[in-house]
Every structure is written in C-alpha cells, then in structure tokens.
Amino acid sequence: AAKAALIALLKKEEQTQSSITLPS
C-alpha cells in the first residue's frame, strides 16, 4: 500500500496493483 501510494503521488495515476520484494 505504501509503495502504491508513493507511486500514485509521483505519477498522479490510480494504482491497481503493487509489486514488492519479500525478505526472501
């Protein structure tokens, strides 16, 4: 959610998915 929010803030685009890297 945090990554999507920052991208949305920078790009001014609605986010429908967010890809993150797990500790693994």
PDB file of all heavy atoms in Angstrom:
ATOM      1  N   ALA A   1       0.827  -1.206   0.000  1.00  0.00           N
ATOM      2  CA  ALA A   1       0.000   0.000   0.000  1.00  0.00           C
ATOM      3  C   ALA A   1       0.864   1.261   0.000  1.00  0.00           C
ATOM      4  O   ALA A   1       0.578   2.231  -0.714  1.00  0.00           O
ATOM      5  CB  ALA A   1      -0.928  -0.010   1.211  1.00  0.00           C
ATOM      6  N   ALA A   2       1.949   1.261   0.794  1.00  0.00           N
ATOM      7  CA  ALA A   2       2.822   2.429   0.868  1.00  0.00           C
ATOM      8  C   ALA A   2       3.525   2.673  -0.462  1.00  0.00           C
ATOM      9  O   ALA A   2       3.631   3.824  -0.924  1.00  0.00           O
ATOM     10  CB  ALA A   2       3.838   2.247   1.989  1.00  0.00           C
ATOM     11  N   LYS A   3       4.013   1.611  -1.089  1.00  0.00           N
ATOM     12  CA  LYS A   3       4.686   1.772  -2.377  1.00  0.00           C
ATOM     13  C   LYS A   3       3.709   2.306  -3.418  1.00  0.00           C
ATOM     14  O   LYS A   3       4.037   3.214  -4.192  1.00  0.00           O
ATOM     15  CB  LYS A   3       5.271   0.441  -2.832  1.00  0.00           C
ATOM     16  CG  LYS A   3       6.030   0.547  -4.165  1.00  0.00           C
ATOM     17  CD  LYS A   3       6.671  -0.770  -4.564  1.00  0.00           C
ATOM     18  CE  LYS A   3       7.456  -0.639  -5.862  1.00  0.00           C
ATOM     19  NZ  LYS A   3       8.096  -1.915  -6.253  1.00  0.00           N
ATOM     20  N   ALA A   4       2.502   1.747  -3.436  1.00  0.00           N
ATOM     21  CA  ALA A   4       1.491   2.221  -4.391  1.00  0.00           C
ATOM     22  C   ALA A   4       1.156   3.686  -4.157  1.00  0.00           C
ATOM     23  O   ALA A   4       0.987   4.464  -5.107  1.00  0.00           O
ATOM     24  CB  ALA A   4       0.238   1.352  -4.289  1.00  0.00           C
ATOM     25  N   ALA A   5       1.076   4.072  -2.886  1.00  0.00           N
ATOM     26  CA  ALA A   5       0.737   5.464  -2.566  1.00  0.00           C
ATOM     27  C   ALA A   5       1.818   6.423  -3.048  1.00  0.00           C
ATOM     28  O   ALA A   5       1.518   7.497  -3.589  1.00  0.00           O
ATOM     29  CB  ALA A   5       0.522   5.613  -1.063  1.00  0.00           C
ATOM     30  N   LEU A   6       3.087   6.056  -2.863  1.00  0.00           N
ATOM     31  CA  LEU A   6       4.155   6.947  -3.314  1.00  0.00           C
ATOM     32  C   LEU A   6       4.157   7.064  -4.838  1.00  0.00           C
ATOM     33  O   LEU A   6       4.316   8.162  -5.385  1.00  0.00           O
ATOM     34  CB  LEU A   6       5.505   6.444  -2.815  1.00  0.00           C
ATOM     35  CG  LEU A   6       6.716   7.279  -3.241  1.00  0.00           C
ATOM     36  CD1 LEU A   6       6.560   8.732  -2.823  1.00  0.00           C
ATOM     37  CD2 LEU A   6       8.014   6.692  -2.679  1.00  0.00           C
ATOM     38  N   ILE A   7       3.968   5.943  -5.528  1.00  0.00           N
ATOM     39  CA  ILE A   7       3.919   5.993  -6.995  1.00  0.00           C
ATOM     40  C   ILE A   7       2.733   6.828  -7.453  1.00  0.00           C
ATOM     41  O   ILE A   7       2.840   7.633  -8.388  1.00  0.00           O
ATOM     42  CB  ILE A   7       3.851   4.572  -7.577  1.00  0.00           C
ATOM     43  CG1 ILE A   7       5.155   3.825  -7.294  1.00  0.00           C
ATOM     44  CG2 ILE A   7       3.605   4.614  -9.085  1.00  0.00           C
ATOM     45  CD1 ILE A   7       5.130   2.369  -7.705  1.00  0.00           C
ATOM     46  N   ALA A   8       1.591   6.651  -6.784  1.00  0.00           N
ATOM     47  CA  ALA A   8       0.405   7.449  -7.125  1.00  0.00           C
ATOM     48  C   ALA A   8       0.672   8.930  -6.908  1.00  0.00           C
ATOM     49  O   ALA A   8       0.236   9.782  -7.699  1.00  0.00           O
ATOM     50  CB  ALA A   8      -0.788   6.989  -6.285  1.00  0.00           C
ATOM     51  N   LEU A   9       1.393   9.255  -5.849  1.00  0.00           N
ATOM     52  CA  LEU A   9       1.705  10.651  -5.551  1.00  0.00           C
ATOM     53  C   LEU A   9       2.613  11.251  -6.616  1.00  0.00           C
ATOM     54  O   LEU A   9       2.426  12.400  -7.051  1.00  0.00           O
ATOM     55  CB  LEU A   9       2.366  10.736  -4.176  1.00  0.00           C
ATOM     56  CG  LEU A   9       2.719  12.127  -3.654  1.00  0.00           C
ATOM     57  CD1 LEU A   9       1.481  12.994  -3.509  1.00  0.00           C
ATOM     58  CD2 LEU A   9       3.459  12.016  -2.323  1.00  0.00           C
ATOM     59  N   LEU A  10       3.583  10.480  -7.059  1.00  0.00           N
ATOM     60  CA  LEU A  10       4.553  10.983  -8.031  1.00  0.00           C
ATOM     61  C   LEU A  10       3.988  11.041  -9.445  1.00  0.00           C
ATOM     62  O   LEU A  10       4.254  11.979 -10.200  1.00  0.00           O
ATOM     63  CB  LEU A  10       5.806  10.112  -8.020  1.00  0.00           C
ATOM     64  CG  LEU A  10       6.588  10.071  -6.702  1.00  0.00           C
ATOM     65  CD1 LEU A  10       7.730   9.082  -6.800  1.00  0.00           C
ATOM     66  CD2 LEU A  10       7.109  11.455  -6.332  1.00  0.00           C
ATOM     67  N   LYS A  11       3.207  10.030  -9.808  1.00  0.00           N
ATOM     68  CA  LYS A  11       2.719   9.925 -11.186  1.00  0.00           C
ATOM     69  C   LYS A  11       1.308  10.455 -11.372  1.00  0.00           C
ATOM     70  O   LYS A  11       0.848  10.593 -12.512  1.00  0.00           O
ATOM     71  CB  LYS A  11       2.786   8.465 -11.644  1.00  0.00           C
ATOM     72  CG  LYS A  11       4.186   7.875 -11.627  1.00  0.00           C
ATOM     73  CD  LYS A  11       4.223   6.465 -12.183  1.00  0.00           C
ATOM     74  CE  LYS A  11       4.009   6.445 -13.690  1.00  0.00           C
ATOM     75  NZ  LYS A  11       4.206   5.095 -14.262  1.00  0.00           N
ATOM     76  N   LYS A  12       0.610  10.714 -10.251  1.00  0.00           N
ATOM     77  CA  LYS A  12      -0.786  11.184 -10.319  1.00  0.00           C
ATOM     78  C   LYS A  12      -1.655  10.208 -11.103  1.00  0.00           C
ATOM     79  O   LYS A  12      -2.517  10.596 -11.886  1.00  0.00           O
ATOM     80  CB  LYS A  12      -0.869  12.588 -10.948  1.00  0.00           C
ATOM     81  CG  LYS A  12      -0.005  13.635 -10.283  1.00  0.00           C
ATOM     82  CD  LYS A  12      -0.380  13.828  -8.826  1.00  0.00           C
ATOM     83  CE  LYS A  12       0.478  14.900  -8.156  1.00  0.00           C
ATOM     84  NZ  LYS A  12       0.221  14.994  -6.707  1.00  0.00           N
ATOM     85  N   GLU A  13      -1.404   8.907 -10.867  1.00  0.00           N
ATOM     86  CA  GLU A  13      -2.169   7.859 -11.542  1.00  0.00           C
ATOM     87  C   GLU A  13      -2.712   6.882 -10.513  1.00  0.00           C
ATOM     88  O   GLU A  13      -2.043   6.551  -9.536  1.00  0.00           O
ATOM     89  CB  GLU A  13      -1.284   7.092 -12.531  1.00  0.00           C
ATOM     90  CG  GLU A  13      -0.787   7.918 -13.705  1.00  0.00           C
ATOM     91  CD  GLU A  13       0.151   7.125 -14.605  1.00  0.00           C
ATOM     92  OE1 GLU A  13       0.412   5.941 -14.291  1.00  0.00           O
ATOM     93  OE2 GLU A  13       0.628   7.693 -15.608  1.00  0.00           O
ATOM     94  N   GLU A  14      -3.934   6.424 -10.760  1.00  0.00           N
ATOM     95  CA  GLU A  14      -4.529   5.410  -9.887  1.00  0.00           C
ATOM     96  C   GLU A  14      -3.736   4.115  -9.991  1.00  0.00           C
ATOM     97  O   GLU A  14      -3.313   3.715 -11.075  1.00  0.00           O
ATOM     98  CB  GLU A  14      -5.982   5.162 -10.283  1.00  0.00           C
ATOM     99  CG  GLU A  14      -6.686   4.147  -9.397  1.00  0.00           C
ATOM    100  CD  GLU A  14      -8.139   3.938  -9.782  1.00  0.00           C
ATOM    101  OE1 GLU A  14      -8.582   4.569 -10.768  1.00  0.00           O
ATOM    102  OE2 GLU A  14      -8.815   3.132  -9.110  1.00  0.00           O
ATOM    103  N   GLN A  15      -3.543   3.458  -8.853  1.00  0.00           N
ATOM    104  CA  GLN A  15      -2.798   2.201  -8.806  1.00  0.00           C
ATOM    105  C   GLN A  15      -3.761   1.026  -8.602  1.00  0.00           C
ATOM    106  O   GLN A  15      -4.658   1.105  -7.754  1.00  0.00           O
ATOM    107  CB  GLN A  15      -1.774   2.227  -7.672  1.00  0.00           C
ATOM    108  CG  GLN A  15      -0.765   3.369  -7.765  1.00  0.00           C
ATOM    109  CD  GLN A  15       0.090   3.278  -9.007  1.00  0.00           C
ATOM    110  OE1 GLN A  15       0.845   2.319  -9.183  1.00  0.00           O
ATOM    111  NE2 GLN A  15      -0.013   4.280  -9.873  1.00  0.00           N
ATOM    112  N   THR A  16      -3.574  -0.023  -9.380  1.00  0.00           N
ATOM    113  CA  THR A  16      -4.426  -1.202  -9.253  1.00  0.00           C
ATOM    114  C   THR A  16      -3.666  -2.407  -8.690  1.00  0.00           C
ATOM    115  O   THR A  16      -4.291  -3.375  -8.261  1.00  0.00           O
ATOM    116  CB  THR A  16      -5.029  -1.594 -10.611  1.00  0.00           C
ATOM    117  OG1 THR A  16      -3.961  -1.841 -11.537  1.00  0.00           O
ATOM    118  CG2 THR A  16      -5.912  -0.468 -11.139  1.00  0.00           C
ATOM    119  N   GLN A  17      -2.346  -2.351  -8.706  1.00  0.00           N
ATOM    120  CA  GLN A  17      -1.541  -3.419  -8.128  1.00  0.00           C
ATOM    121  C   GLN A  17      -0.205  -2.860  -7.683  1.00  0.00           C
ATOM    122  O   GLN A  17       0.213  -1.777  -8.111  1.00  0.00           O
ATOM    123  CB  GLN A  17      -1.341  -4.566  -9.110  1.00  0.00           C
ATOM    124  CG  GLN A  17      -0.611  -4.179 -10.385  1.00  0.00           C
ATOM    125  CD  GLN A  17      -0.495  -5.343 -11.354  1.00  0.00           C
ATOM    126  OE1 GLN A  17      -1.290  -6.270 -11.321  1.00  0.00           O
ATOM    127  NE2 GLN A  17       0.527  -5.305 -12.206  1.00  0.00           N
ATOM    128  N   SER A  18       0.455  -3.616  -6.818  1.00  0.00           N
ATOM    129  CA  SER A  18       1.729  -3.159  -6.266  1.00  0.00           C
ATOM    130  C   SER A  18       2.661  -4.345  -6.117  1.00  0.00           C
ATOM    131  O   SER A  18       2.317  -5.339  -5.471  1.00  0.00           O
ATOM    132  CB  SER A  18       1.505  -2.502  -4.901  1.00  0.00           C
ATOM    133  OG  SER A  18       2.719  -2.024  -4.354  1.00  0.00           O
ATOM    134  N   SER A  19       3.833  -4.265  -6.725  1.00  0.00           N
ATOM    135  CA  SER A  19       4.825  -5.340  -6.661  1.00  0.00           C
ATOM    136  C   SER A  19       5.884  -4.999  -5.625  1.00  0.00           C
ATOM    137  O   SER A  19       6.468  -3.914  -5.666  1.00  0.00           O
ATOM    138  CB  SER A  19       5.479  -5.548  -8.029  1.00  0.00           C
ATOM    139  OG  SER A  19       4.530  -5.963  -8.988  1.00  0.00           O
ATOM    140  N   ILE A  20       6.110  -5.916  -4.715  1.00  0.00           N
ATOM    141  CA  ILE A  20       7.090  -5.697  -3.653  1.00  0.00           C
ATOM    142  C   ILE A  20       8.020  -6.908  -3.552  1.00  0.00           C
ATOM    143  O   ILE A  20       7.697  -7.996  -4.032  1.00  0.00           O
ATOM    144  CB  ILE A  20       6.412  -5.449  -2.289  1.00  0.00           C
ATOM    145  CG1 ILE A  20       5.606  -6.684  -1.862  1.00  0.00           C
ATOM    146  CG2 ILE A  20       5.525  -4.210  -2.350  1.00  0.00           C
ATOM    147  CD1 ILE A  20       5.080  -6.617  -0.433  1.00  0.00           C
ATOM    148  N   THR A  21       9.155  -6.708  -2.909  1.00  0.00           N
ATOM    149  CA  THR A  21      10.120  -7.789  -2.707  1.00  0.00           C
ATOM    150  C   THR A  21      10.055  -8.261  -1.266  1.00  0.00           C
ATOM    151  O   THR A  21      10.181  -7.461  -0.337  1.00  0.00           O
ATOM    152  CB  THR A  21      11.543  -7.318  -3.037  1.00  0.00           C
ATOM    153  OG1 THR A  21      11.576  -6.865  -4.403  1.00  0.00           O
ATOM    154  CG2 THR A  21      12.544  -8.450  -2.870  1.00  0.00           C
ATOM    155  N   LEU A  22       9.853  -9.560  -1.090  1.00  0.00           N
ATOM    156  CA  LEU A  22       9.803 -10.144   0.245  1.00  0.00           C
ATOM    157  C   LEU A  22      11.215 -10.275   0.816  1.00  0.00           C
ATOM    158  O   LEU A  22      12.203 -10.201   0.080  1.00  0.00           O
ATOM    159  CB  LEU A  22       9.149 -11.525   0.182  1.00  0.00           C
ATOM    160  CG  LEU A  22       7.693 -11.571  -0.284  1.00  0.00           C
ATOM    161  CD1 LEU A  22       7.225 -13.027  -0.360  1.00  0.00           C
ATOM    162  CD2 LEU A  22       6.791 -10.775   0.637  1.00  0.00           C
ATOM    163  N   PRO A  23      11.340 -10.488   2.125  1.00  0.00           N
ATOM    164  CA  PRO A  23      12.670 -10.705   2.706  1.00  0.00           C
ATOM    165  C   PRO A  23      13.420 -11.868   2.068  1.00  0.00           C
ATOM    166  O   PRO A  23      14.649 -11.904   2.102  1.00  0.00           O
ATOM    167  CB  PRO A  23      12.357 -10.987   4.180  1.00  0.00           C
ATOM    168  CG  PRO A  23      11.086 -10.223   4.436  1.00  0.00           C
ATOM    169  CD  PRO A  23      10.298 -10.348   3.161  1.00  0.00           C
ATOM    170  N   SER A  24      12.713 -12.817   1.470  1.00  0.00           N
ATOM    171  CA  SER A  24      13.349 -13.940   0.772  1.00  0.00           C
ATOM    172  C   SER A  24      13.880 -13.534  -0.589  1.00  0.00           C
ATOM    173  O   SER A  24      14.422 -14.371  -1.311  1.00  0.00           O
ATOM    174  CB  SER A  24      12.343 -15.076   0.608  1.00  0.00           C
ATOM    175  OG  SER A  24      11.257 -14.668  -0.218  1.00  0.00           O
TER     176      SER A  24
END
